Amino acid sequence: MTDEQLKWKTLSSEYLFKDTWLTARKDRCERADGKIIDPYYVFEFPEWVTAFAVTEDDKILMVKQYRHALGEVGIELPGGCVDETDATFEDAIRRELLEETGFAFESVHALGRTSANPSTNSNLMHMFVATGGKKIQGQNLDDNEEIEVLEYSFEELFQLLDEKRIVQAMHITTIFYALRYLDKLNFKP
């Protein structure tokens, strides 16, 4: 089958809930073979950005914060939602890095995109690697944010990964692509 033959046609959509951070809708869809799928629930979120951020002295910036849905404090990469004021995804990650860590970066390279769950979530997270970071200001956090900035060596990061201390799957994906881009992965045959 071609990609077009696999795509569904949306016959109708009904919004069930709309708020700043969550929008839920119920779709009625038709497959290419004529089968009707009703209801199909979709969660709409803003686009996200995250970065594997490396300082000019080769430290990896991570953030520690409470995540209420899990009820846990976690270690993650810096990042967040793309704002309407961001002209590009790169602008968004540069803004998020500055707000959350106070660091500005010489270089930002796009690594691609990933989805938390493409069967239910409509958005993507855009992954970056940022290098040459230099602290230029204090944090400028949103009202609901309490973020501790952590600095790790590459060796310490690998220890965190070995200990399974990073649970945010999309951030682990970003870490993988960044380590690959930076030629820090050594696969053994």
Protein backbone atom coordinates (compact mmCIF):
# COMPACT_ATOMS: atom_id res chain seq x y z
CA MET A 1 0.00 0.00 0.00
CA THR A 2 1.10 3.56 -0.65
CA ASP A 3 1.25 6.18 2.09
CA GLU A 4 -1.82 7.85 0.59
CA GLN A 5 -3.77 4.59 0.78
CA LEU A 6 -2.94 4.30 4.49
CA LYS A 7 -4.05 7.84 5.38
CA TRP A 8 -7.45 8.43 6.94
CA LYS A 9 -9.89 11.13 5.88
CA THR A 10 -11.28 13.26 8.73
CA LEU A 11 -15.04 13.50 8.25
CA SER A 12 -15.71 15.64 11.35
CA SER A 13 -14.01 16.97 14.48
CA GLU A 14 -15.55 18.04 17.77
CA TYR A 15 -13.55 19.81 20.46
CA LEU A 16 -14.23 18.33 23.88
CA PHE A 17 -11.84 20.53 25.89
CA LYS A 18 -9.67 23.57 25.12
CA ASP A 19 -7.18 25.16 27.49
CA THR A 20 -3.69 26.63 27.37
CA TRP A 21 -1.79 23.37 27.74
CA LEU A 22 -4.33 20.80 26.56
CA THR A 23 -6.87 20.53 23.82
CA ALA A 24 -8.81 17.31 23.27
CA ARG A 25 -10.94 16.54 20.26
CA LYS A 26 -13.05 13.66 18.97
CA ASP A 27 -12.69 12.88 15.27
CA ARG A 28 -14.83 10.77 12.96
CA CYS A 29 -12.57 9.26 10.29
CA GLU A 30 -12.78 7.10 7.21
CA ARG A 31 -10.06 4.70 6.12
CA ALA A 32 -9.24 4.22 2.42
CA ASP A 33 -11.20 0.95 2.43
CA GLY A 34 -14.34 2.82 3.59
CA LYS A 35 -14.31 1.66 7.22
CA ILE A 36 -15.47 4.40 9.62
CA ILE A 37 -13.48 4.99 12.81
CA ASP A 38 -15.66 6.81 15.34
CA PRO A 39 -14.67 8.11 17.81
CA TYR A 40 -10.94 8.72 17.50
CA TYR A 41 -9.54 10.93 20.26
CA VAL A 42 -6.66 13.35 19.64
CA PHE A 43 -4.73 15.51 22.11
CA GLU A 44 -3.43 18.78 20.71
CA PHE A 45 -0.37 20.32 22.35
CA PRO A 46 1.94 23.14 21.28
CA GLU A 47 5.13 22.18 19.43
CA TRP A 48 8.05 21.48 21.79
CA VAL A 49 11.80 22.05 21.57
CA THR A 50 14.64 20.57 23.59
CA ALA A 51 18.43 20.68 23.41
CA PHE A 52 21.45 18.70 24.42
CA ALA A 53 23.37 21.76 25.60
CA VAL A 54 27.17 21.70 25.94
CA THR A 55 29.05 24.58 27.58
CA GLU A 56 32.30 26.03 26.29
CA ASP A 57 34.14 24.00 28.97
CA ASP A 58 32.51 20.74 27.75
CA LYS A 59 29.86 20.37 30.47
CA ILE A 60 26.36 19.14 29.61
CA LEU A 61 23.55 21.27 31.03
CA MET A 62 20.64 19.37 32.51
CA VAL A 63 17.71 20.61 34.56
CA LYS A 64 16.10 19.12 37.64
CA GLN A 65 12.45 19.82 38.32
CA TYR A 66 9.30 18.34 39.80
CA ARG A 67 6.96 16.62 37.36
CA HIS A 68 3.50 16.48 38.92
CA ALA A 69 1.94 13.85 36.64
CA LEU A 70 4.57 11.33 37.81
CA GLY A 71 4.88 12.85 41.28
CA GLU A 72 8.65 12.76 40.90
CA VAL A 73 11.61 15.10 40.61
CA GLY A 74 13.42 14.32 37.38
CA ILE A 75 16.60 15.13 35.52
CA GLU A 76 15.91 16.33 31.98
CA LEU A 77 17.26 18.42 29.14
CA PRO A 78 16.33 22.10 28.96
CA GLY A 79 13.47 22.98 26.62
CA GLY A 80 9.81 23.77 26.43
CA CYS A 81 6.94 24.99 24.28
CA VAL A 82 7.33 27.00 21.12
CA ASP A 83 5.80 30.46 21.62
CA GLU A 84 3.92 32.50 19.03
CA THR A 85 6.77 35.04 19.23
CA ASP A 86 9.37 32.46 18.07
CA ALA A 87 10.04 32.86 14.34
CA THR A 88 11.75 29.45 14.08
CA PHE A 89 12.30 26.34 16.17
CA GLU A 90 15.93 27.43 16.60
CA ASP A 91 14.72 30.77 18.00
CA ALA A 92 12.49 28.83 20.39
CA ILE A 93 15.26 26.62 21.74
CA ARG A 94 17.68 29.54 22.08
CA ARG A 95 15.01 31.40 24.09
CA GLU A 96 14.24 28.35 26.26
CA LEU A 97 17.94 27.72 26.94
CA LEU A 98 18.45 31.34 27.99
CA GLU A 99 15.31 31.41 30.17
CA GLU A 100 15.91 28.08 31.91
CA THR A 101 19.71 28.08 32.26
CA GLY A 102 20.94 31.63 31.65
CA PHE A 103 23.30 30.30 28.94
CA ALA A 104 23.63 31.50 25.34
CA PHE A 105 25.20 29.21 22.72
CA GLU A 106 27.57 29.79 19.80
CA SER A 107 26.05 27.04 17.69
CA VAL A 108 22.68 25.31 17.54
CA HIS A 109 22.19 22.35 15.21
CA ALA A 110 18.84 20.70 14.45
CA LEU A 111 18.82 16.94 15.07
CA GLY A 112 15.31 16.19 13.81
CA ARG A 113 11.94 15.67 15.42
CA THR A 114 10.25 13.07 17.56
CA SER A 115 6.74 12.38 18.84
CA ALA A 116 5.65 11.48 22.36
CA ASN A 117 2.84 9.34 20.95
CA PRO A 118 1.82 9.80 17.30
CA SER A 119 -1.37 7.80 17.78
CA THR A 120 -2.87 10.37 20.19
CA ASN A 121 -0.69 13.52 20.23
CA SER A 122 -0.78 15.99 17.35
CA ASN A 123 2.51 17.76 18.11
CA LEU A 124 6.21 17.10 17.69
CA MET A 125 9.30 17.84 19.74
CA HIS A 126 12.14 19.39 17.75
CA MET A 127 15.56 18.21 18.92
CA PHE A 128 18.75 20.25 18.94
CA VAL A 129 22.36 20.09 20.03
CA ALA A 130 23.73 23.42 21.28
CA THR A 131 27.47 23.95 21.75
CA GLY A 132 29.75 26.69 23.06
CA GLY A 133 27.43 27.67 25.91
CA LYS A 134 28.35 30.63 28.07
CA LYS A 135 26.44 31.92 31.09
CA ILE A 136 25.29 35.47 30.35
CA GLN A 137 22.38 35.99 32.77
CA GLY A 138 20.33 34.47 35.56
CA GLN A 139 17.28 32.31 34.96
CA ASN A 140 14.05 33.92 33.76
CA LEU A 141 11.49 31.26 34.65
CA ASP A 142 7.73 31.07 34.11
CA ASP A 143 5.56 31.45 37.23
CA ASN A 144 5.00 27.69 37.52
CA GLU A 145 8.66 26.71 37.03
CA GLU A 146 11.22 25.80 39.69
CA ILE A 147 14.29 24.56 37.87
CA GLU A 148 17.73 23.68 39.19
CA VAL A 149 20.48 23.78 36.55
CA LEU A 150 22.97 20.91 36.70
CA GLU A 151 26.29 20.54 34.89
CA TYR A 152 27.64 17.09 34.04
CA SER A 153 30.72 15.76 32.29
CA PHE A 154 30.16 13.28 29.48
CA GLU A 155 31.34 10.52 31.86
CA GLU A 156 28.76 11.60 34.45
CA LEU A 157 26.03 11.68 31.79
CA PHE A 158 26.83 8.10 30.78
CA GLN A 159 26.61 7.13 34.45
CA LEU A 160 23.14 8.75 34.68
CA LEU A 161 22.09 6.76 31.62
CA ASP A 162 23.55 3.52 33.03
CA GLU A 163 21.62 4.10 36.27
CA LYS A 164 18.37 4.78 34.31
CA ARG A 165 18.02 8.14 36.10
CA ILE A 166 16.61 9.97 33.06
CA VAL A 167 13.03 8.81 32.44
CA GLN A 168 11.80 11.37 29.90
CA ALA A 169 11.80 9.22 26.74
CA MET A 170 11.93 12.07 24.24
CA HIS A 171 14.92 13.54 26.09
CA ILE A 172 16.70 10.20 25.96
CA THR A 173 16.02 10.20 22.21
CA THR A 174 17.55 13.68 21.94
CA ILE A 175 20.56 12.56 23.98
CA PHE A 176 21.10 9.61 21.63
CA TYR A 177 20.96 11.76 18.50
CA ALA A 178 23.22 14.40 20.07
CA LEU A 179 25.82 11.87 21.19
CA ARG A 180 25.75 10.39 17.70
CA TYR A 181 26.14 13.85 16.13
CA LEU A 182 29.02 14.69 18.50
CA ASP A 183 30.67 11.31 17.75
CA LYS A 184 30.51 10.28 21.42
CA LEU A 185 28.96 6.83 20.88
CA ASN A 186 31.21 3.83 20.53
CA PHE A 187 29.34 0.82 19.21
CA LYS A 188 31.10 -2.49 19.66
CA PRO A 189 30.56 -5.18 16.99
